[in-house]
Amino acid sequence: MRLETRPIERVEPNGIVTVDGRRTEIDTLLLATGFPHFPNLISLNSPCSYSGLSYFTTIEAQMRHMAWLFGELRHRGATTFEVTSAANDEFLAEMTDRLGDLGVRAG
């Protein structure tokens, strides 16, 4: 496996050709736009995402959050969002504190 960071000029049946003319044979092409910070990435799974009630309740809550997020993007006239390291650290600390209240430690 190899990460290609040069712009791709074209995709061929068995490979890619980068703008510098280099051809690379591939089996699978995985597009990772925004790499390495992943703007606009939404993941429905995480250690703190399951509500414990039912899978469907969890998905519905996550869909409501996504609808809020995209509504906020429209409201601000933005096209991308990205979680900052500070916001992620704050969220992890809050979830760890809440787990501590249950006698469980994240690790």
Protein backbone atom coordinates (compact mmCIF):
# COMPACT_ATOMS: atom_id res chain seq x y z
CA MET A 1 0.00 0.00 0.00
CA ARG A 2 1.23 3.48 -0.83
CA LEU A 3 -0.06 7.01 -0.39
CA GLU A 4 0.13 9.06 -3.58
CA THR A 5 0.17 12.78 -2.82
CA ARG A 6 0.80 14.09 -6.34
CA PRO A 7 -2.29 15.22 -8.27
CA ILE A 8 -3.85 12.49 -10.41
CA GLU A 9 -4.23 13.44 -14.06
CA ARG A 10 -6.35 10.43 -14.97
CA VAL A 11 -7.55 7.04 -13.83
CA GLU A 12 -7.02 4.12 -16.20
CA PRO A 13 -8.53 0.60 -16.00
CA ASN A 14 -5.52 -0.82 -14.10
CA GLY A 15 -3.85 2.24 -12.66
CA ILE A 16 -3.45 5.97 -12.26
CA VAL A 17 -1.32 8.54 -14.06
CA THR A 18 -0.13 11.53 -12.05
CA VAL A 19 0.38 14.99 -13.56
CA ASP A 20 4.12 14.35 -13.90
CA GLY A 21 3.36 11.42 -16.25
CA ARG A 22 4.16 8.65 -13.79
CA ARG A 23 1.89 5.60 -14.17
CA THR A 24 1.19 3.39 -11.15
CA GLU A 25 -0.64 0.08 -11.42
CA ILE A 26 -3.28 -0.36 -8.73
CA ASP A 27 -5.79 -2.93 -7.51
CA THR A 28 -7.80 -0.50 -5.40
CA LEU A 29 -8.08 3.28 -5.46
CA LEU A 30 -8.99 4.91 -2.17
CA LEU A 31 -9.71 8.63 -2.32
CA ALA A 32 -8.84 10.49 0.88
CA THR A 33 -9.76 14.11 0.21
CA GLY A 34 -8.74 16.42 2.98
CA PHE A 35 -5.99 14.08 4.19
CA PRO A 36 -4.62 14.23 6.94
CA HIS A 37 -7.16 16.46 8.78
CA PHE A 38 -10.32 15.04 7.12
CA PRO A 39 -12.61 18.10 6.84
CA ASN A 40 -16.29 17.16 6.54
CA LEU A 41 -15.67 13.67 7.97
CA ILE A 42 -18.61 12.32 9.90
CA SER A 43 -18.24 9.02 11.69
CA LEU A 44 -21.22 7.32 13.25
CA ASN A 45 -19.12 5.10 15.45
CA SER A 46 -16.94 5.93 18.41
CA PRO A 47 -16.45 4.63 21.94
CA CYS A 48 -18.92 7.25 23.19
CA SER A 49 -21.52 7.05 20.42
CA TYR A 50 -23.65 4.10 21.58
CA SER A 51 -26.53 5.14 23.82
CA GLY A 52 -26.95 1.69 25.37
CA LEU A 53 -30.65 1.64 24.61
CA SER A 54 -30.79 0.37 21.07
CA TYR A 55 -28.86 0.63 17.87
CA PHE A 56 -31.79 2.48 16.26
CA THR A 57 -31.94 5.06 19.07
CA THR A 58 -28.23 5.67 18.61
CA ILE A 59 -28.54 6.14 14.84
CA GLU A 60 -31.53 8.47 15.23
CA ALA A 61 -29.63 10.64 17.72
CA GLN A 62 -26.62 10.77 15.43
CA MET A 63 -28.79 11.69 12.44
CA ARG A 64 -30.32 14.56 14.44
CA HIS A 65 -26.82 15.77 15.29
CA MET A 66 -25.77 15.57 11.62
CA ALA A 67 -28.89 17.50 10.57
CA TRP A 68 -27.99 20.19 13.13
CA LEU A 69 -24.40 20.28 11.88
CA PHE A 70 -25.37 20.69 8.21
CA GLY A 71 -28.00 23.28 9.17
CA GLU A 72 -25.30 25.23 11.02
CA LEU A 73 -23.05 25.04 7.95
CA ARG A 74 -25.85 26.48 5.78
CA HIS A 75 -26.63 29.14 8.37
CA ARG A 76 -22.99 30.28 8.40
CA GLY A 77 -22.63 30.06 4.62
CA ALA A 78 -19.81 27.53 5.08
CA THR A 79 -19.00 24.50 2.96
CA THR A 80 -16.63 22.65 5.29
CA PHE A 81 -16.21 21.93 8.97
CA GLU A 82 -13.34 20.41 10.88
CA VAL A 83 -13.02 19.45 14.52
CA THR A 84 -10.14 21.24 16.21
CA SER A 85 -7.70 19.40 18.46
CA ALA A 86 -8.83 21.57 21.37
CA ALA A 87 -12.51 20.67 20.84
CA ASN A 88 -11.65 16.98 20.55
CA ASP A 89 -9.55 17.10 23.74
CA GLU A 90 -12.36 18.89 25.60
CA PHE A 91 -14.92 16.31 24.44
CA LEU A 92 -12.68 13.38 25.41
CA ALA A 93 -12.07 14.88 28.86
CA GLU A 94 -15.81 15.36 29.40
CA MET A 95 -16.61 11.79 28.33
CA THR A 96 -13.81 10.42 30.53
CA ASP A 97 -15.21 12.38 33.50
CA ARG A 98 -18.69 11.01 32.82
CA LEU A 99 -17.34 7.45 32.65
CA GLY A 100 -15.58 8.08 35.96
CA ASP A 101 -18.95 8.82 37.51
CA LEU A 102 -20.02 5.32 36.47
CA GLY A 103 -16.98 3.66 38.00
CA VAL A 104 -15.46 3.00 34.55
CA ARG A 105 -12.24 4.43 33.19
CA ALA A 106 -11.50 5.06 29.51
CA GLY A 107 -8.18 3.71 28.46
